[in-house]
């Protein structure tokens, strides 16, 4: 019997497969503890480090909340076309 080599998946498929899902805590205390344990394991696995420092945006970078048409000079905001 010969073993068949598995074909390598395209890079795009591999990236989609390892994408993290958004963390949405539940109301149930026991289930939330399980979720936090799972989240901690996942973050440890990818090498994330805990940091107790606040992160600030660099000077000159606007916050997402500033992205409003009313703040534009001529009240027009152009959004990129997605194909």
N, C-alpha and C. Protein backbone atom coordinates (compact mmCIF):
# COMPACT_ATOMS: atom_id res chain seq x y z
N UNK A 1 0.84 -1.18 0.00
CA UNK A 1 0.00 0.00 0.00
C UNK A 1 0.89 1.24 0.00
N UNK A 2 0.57 2.13 -0.88
CA UNK A 2 1.33 3.38 -0.95
C UNK A 2 0.50 4.49 -0.35
N UNK A 3 1.18 5.34 0.38
CA UNK A 3 0.49 6.48 0.99
C UNK A 3 0.42 7.61 -0.02
N UNK A 4 -0.76 8.17 -0.17
CA UNK A 4 -0.92 9.30 -1.09
C UNK A 4 -0.60 10.59 -0.34
N UNK A 5 0.18 11.44 -1.00
CA UNK A 5 0.51 12.73 -0.39
C UNK A 5 -0.69 13.66 -0.49
N UNK A 6 -0.93 14.34 0.60
CA UNK A 6 -2.02 15.30 0.61
C UNK A 6 -1.58 16.57 -0.09
N UNK A 7 -2.41 17.07 -0.98
CA UNK A 7 -2.05 18.30 -1.68
C UNK A 7 -2.09 19.48 -0.73
N UNK A 8 -1.16 20.38 -0.92
CA UNK A 8 -1.12 21.59 -0.08
C UNK A 8 -2.28 22.50 -0.46
N UNK A 9 -2.97 22.98 0.54
CA UNK A 9 -4.08 23.91 0.30
C UNK A 9 -3.51 25.27 -0.09
N UNK A 10 -4.22 26.00 -0.94
CA UNK A 10 -3.75 27.35 -1.28
C UNK A 10 -3.64 28.22 -0.02
N UNK A 11 -2.75 29.20 -0.08
CA UNK A 11 -2.49 30.05 1.08
C UNK A 11 -3.76 30.75 1.58
N UNK A 12 -4.61 31.16 0.65
CA UNK A 12 -5.85 31.85 1.04
C UNK A 12 -6.73 30.95 1.89
N UNK A 13 -6.82 29.68 1.55
CA UNK A 13 -7.64 28.76 2.34
C UNK A 13 -7.04 28.53 3.72
N UNK A 14 -5.70 28.44 3.78
CA UNK A 14 -5.06 28.23 5.08
C UNK A 14 -5.28 29.43 5.99
N UNK A 15 -5.24 30.63 5.42
CA UNK A 15 -5.45 31.83 6.23
C UNK A 15 -6.87 31.88 6.76
N UNK A 16 -7.86 31.51 5.92
CA UNK A 16 -9.25 31.52 6.36
C UNK A 16 -9.47 30.52 7.49
N UNK A 17 -8.80 29.38 7.40
CA UNK A 17 -9.00 28.33 8.39
C UNK A 17 -8.50 28.73 9.77
N UNK A 18 -7.44 29.55 9.83
CA UNK A 18 -6.86 29.89 11.13
C UNK A 18 -7.35 31.24 11.67
N UNK A 19 -8.40 31.78 11.06
CA UNK A 19 -8.93 33.07 11.48
C UNK A 19 -9.62 32.94 12.84
N UNK A 20 -9.38 33.89 13.73
CA UNK A 20 -10.03 33.89 15.03
C UNK A 20 -11.45 34.42 14.91
N UNK A 21 -12.35 33.84 15.66
CA UNK A 21 -13.72 34.33 15.71
C UNK A 21 -13.81 35.40 16.79
N UNK A 22 -14.73 36.35 16.67
CA UNK A 22 -14.85 37.37 17.71
C UNK A 22 -15.28 36.76 19.04
N UNK A 23 -14.75 37.28 20.12
CA UNK A 23 -15.07 36.76 21.45
C UNK A 23 -16.34 37.43 21.95
N UNK A 24 -17.36 36.63 22.21
CA UNK A 24 -18.63 37.14 22.73
C UNK A 24 -18.95 36.41 24.02
N UNK A 25 -18.70 37.05 25.18
CA UNK A 25 -18.97 36.37 26.45
C UNK A 25 -20.46 36.12 26.65
N UNK A 26 -20.77 35.02 27.32
CA UNK A 26 -22.15 34.65 27.59
C UNK A 26 -22.55 35.12 28.99
N UNK A 27 -23.83 35.05 29.30
CA UNK A 27 -24.32 35.47 30.62
C UNK A 27 -24.08 34.39 31.68
N UNK A 28 -24.03 33.12 31.26
CA UNK A 28 -23.85 32.00 32.18
C UNK A 28 -22.43 32.02 32.75
N UNK A 29 -22.31 32.08 34.09
CA UNK A 29 -21.00 32.21 34.73
C UNK A 29 -20.09 31.02 34.45
N UNK A 30 -20.63 29.80 34.52
CA UNK A 30 -19.81 28.61 34.29
C UNK A 30 -19.32 28.56 32.84
N UNK A 31 -20.20 28.86 31.91
CA UNK A 31 -19.84 28.85 30.49
C UNK A 31 -18.83 29.97 30.18
N UNK A 32 -18.98 31.12 30.85
CA UNK A 32 -18.04 32.23 30.64
C UNK A 32 -16.63 31.84 31.09
N UNK A 33 -16.55 31.11 32.21
CA UNK A 33 -15.25 30.65 32.69
C UNK A 33 -14.60 29.70 31.67
N UNK A 34 -15.41 28.82 31.08
CA UNK A 34 -14.90 27.92 30.04
C UNK A 34 -14.42 28.72 28.83
N UNK A 35 -15.18 29.76 28.45
CA UNK A 35 -14.80 30.59 27.31
C UNK A 35 -13.49 31.32 27.58
N UNK A 36 -13.35 31.87 28.78
CA UNK A 36 -12.13 32.59 29.11
C UNK A 36 -10.92 31.65 29.12
N UNK A 37 -11.12 30.43 29.61
CA UNK A 37 -10.03 29.45 29.60
C UNK A 37 -9.64 29.11 28.17
N UNK A 38 -10.63 28.94 27.31
CA UNK A 38 -10.37 28.64 25.90
C UNK A 38 -9.66 29.80 25.22
N UNK A 39 -10.11 31.02 25.51
CA UNK A 39 -9.48 32.22 24.94
C UNK A 39 -8.03 32.34 25.41
N UNK A 40 -7.80 32.11 26.69
CA UNK A 40 -6.44 32.19 27.23
C UNK A 40 -5.53 31.15 26.58
N UNK A 41 -6.05 29.95 26.37
CA UNK A 41 -5.27 28.90 25.71
C UNK A 41 -4.92 29.29 24.29
N UNK A 42 -5.90 29.83 23.56
CA UNK A 42 -5.67 30.23 22.17
C UNK A 42 -4.64 31.35 22.09
N UNK A 43 -4.75 32.34 22.96
CA UNK A 43 -3.81 33.46 22.94
C UNK A 43 -2.40 33.01 23.33
N UNK A 44 -2.30 32.08 24.29
CA UNK A 44 -1.00 31.55 24.68
C UNK A 44 -0.38 30.76 23.54
N UNK A 45 -1.21 30.01 22.82
CA UNK A 45 -0.73 29.18 21.71
C UNK A 45 -0.10 30.03 20.61
N UNK A 46 -0.70 31.18 20.30
CA UNK A 46 -0.16 32.03 19.23
C UNK A 46 0.94 32.96 19.74
N UNK A 47 1.28 32.86 21.01
CA UNK A 47 2.40 33.63 21.54
C UNK A 47 2.05 35.04 21.98
N UNK A 48 0.77 35.31 22.24
CA UNK A 48 0.37 36.65 22.70
C UNK A 48 0.85 36.84 24.14
N UNK A 49 1.31 38.03 24.44
CA UNK A 49 1.79 38.33 25.79
C UNK A 49 0.85 39.33 26.46
N UNK A 50 0.66 39.16 27.77
CA UNK A 50 -0.19 40.08 28.53
C UNK A 50 0.57 41.38 28.76
N UNK A 51 -0.13 42.49 28.59
CA UNK A 51 0.46 43.81 28.83
C UNK A 51 -0.57 44.65 29.57
N UNK A 52 -0.19 45.22 30.69
CA UNK A 52 -1.11 46.00 31.49
C UNK A 52 -1.07 47.49 31.13
N UNK A 53 -0.40 47.83 30.05
CA UNK A 53 -0.28 49.22 29.61
C UNK A 53 -1.43 49.56 28.67
N UNK A 54 -1.91 50.78 28.73
CA UNK A 54 -2.93 51.23 27.79
C UNK A 54 -2.26 51.51 26.45
N UNK A 55 -2.99 51.25 25.38
CA UNK A 55 -2.46 51.50 24.04
C UNK A 55 -3.13 52.73 23.47
N UNK A 56 -2.33 53.66 23.01
CA UNK A 56 -2.85 54.90 22.43
C UNK A 56 -2.53 54.93 20.94
N UNK A 57 -3.39 55.59 20.18
CA UNK A 57 -3.12 55.77 18.75
C UNK A 57 -1.97 56.75 18.59
N UNK A 58 -1.11 56.53 17.57
CA UNK A 58 -0.03 57.48 17.33
C UNK A 58 -0.59 58.86 16.97
N UNK A 59 0.20 59.88 17.20
CA UNK A 59 -0.23 61.24 16.86
C UNK A 59 -0.48 61.33 15.37
N UNK A 60 -1.53 62.02 14.99
CA UNK A 60 -1.84 62.18 13.57
C UNK A 60 -2.80 61.13 13.05
N UNK A 61 -3.11 60.11 13.85
CA UNK A 61 -4.04 59.07 13.42
C UNK A 61 -5.38 59.33 14.10
N UNK A 62 -6.42 59.46 13.31
CA UNK A 62 -7.75 59.74 13.86
C UNK A 62 -8.40 58.46 14.37
N UNK A 63 -9.26 58.61 15.36
CA UNK A 63 -10.01 57.47 15.89
C UNK A 63 -11.12 57.09 14.91
N UNK A 64 -11.63 55.87 15.02
CA UNK A 64 -12.71 55.42 14.14
C UNK A 64 -13.95 56.30 14.29
N UNK A 65 -14.19 56.80 15.49
CA UNK A 65 -15.37 57.63 15.72
C UNK A 65 -15.31 58.94 14.94
N UNK A 66 -14.12 59.32 14.49
CA UNK A 66 -13.97 60.56 13.72
C UNK A 66 -14.27 60.35 12.24
N UNK A 67 -14.58 59.13 11.85
CA UNK A 67 -14.84 58.83 10.44
C UNK A 67 -16.32 59.06 10.13
N UNK A 68 -16.71 60.33 10.05
CA UNK A 68 -18.10 60.69 9.77
C UNK A 68 -18.15 61.72 8.65
N UNK A 69 -19.18 61.63 7.83
CA UNK A 69 -19.34 62.56 6.71
C UNK A 69 -19.52 63.99 7.21
N UNK A 70 -20.14 64.16 8.37
CA UNK A 70 -20.38 65.52 8.88
C UNK A 70 -19.08 66.24 9.22
N UNK A 71 -18.00 65.49 9.39
CA UNK A 71 -16.72 66.10 9.71
C UNK A 71 -15.91 66.45 8.46
N UNK A 72 -16.38 66.00 7.30
CA UNK A 72 -15.68 66.29 6.05
C UNK A 72 -15.91 67.75 5.66
N UNK A 73 -14.94 68.38 4.98
CA UNK A 73 -15.06 69.80 4.63
C UNK A 73 -16.31 70.13 3.80
N UNK A 74 -16.59 69.32 2.78
CA UNK A 74 -17.75 69.61 1.92
C UNK A 74 -18.88 68.62 2.15
N UNK A 75 -18.90 67.97 3.31
CA UNK A 75 -19.94 67.01 3.69
C UNK A 75 -20.03 65.81 2.74
N UNK A 76 -18.95 65.53 2.03
CA UNK A 76 -18.94 64.38 1.12
C UNK A 76 -17.82 63.45 1.57
N UNK A 77 -18.15 62.20 1.69
CA UNK A 77 -17.16 61.22 2.09
C UNK A 77 -17.16 60.12 1.03
N UNK A 78 -16.02 59.86 0.45
CA UNK A 78 -15.92 58.87 -0.61
C UNK A 78 -15.50 57.55 0.00
N UNK A 79 -16.27 56.51 -0.27
CA UNK A 79 -15.91 55.18 0.21
C UNK A 79 -15.40 54.36 -0.96
N UNK A 80 -14.42 53.48 -0.72
CA UNK A 80 -13.86 52.70 -1.81
C UNK A 80 -14.88 51.70 -2.36
N UNK A 81 -14.81 51.44 -3.65
CA UNK A 81 -15.71 50.48 -4.30
C UNK A 81 -15.16 49.08 -4.07
N UNK A 82 -16.02 48.18 -3.63
CA UNK A 82 -15.62 46.78 -3.45
C UNK A 82 -16.18 45.98 -4.61
N UNK A 83 -15.32 45.22 -5.27
CA UNK A 83 -15.80 44.42 -6.40
C UNK A 83 -15.96 42.97 -6.03
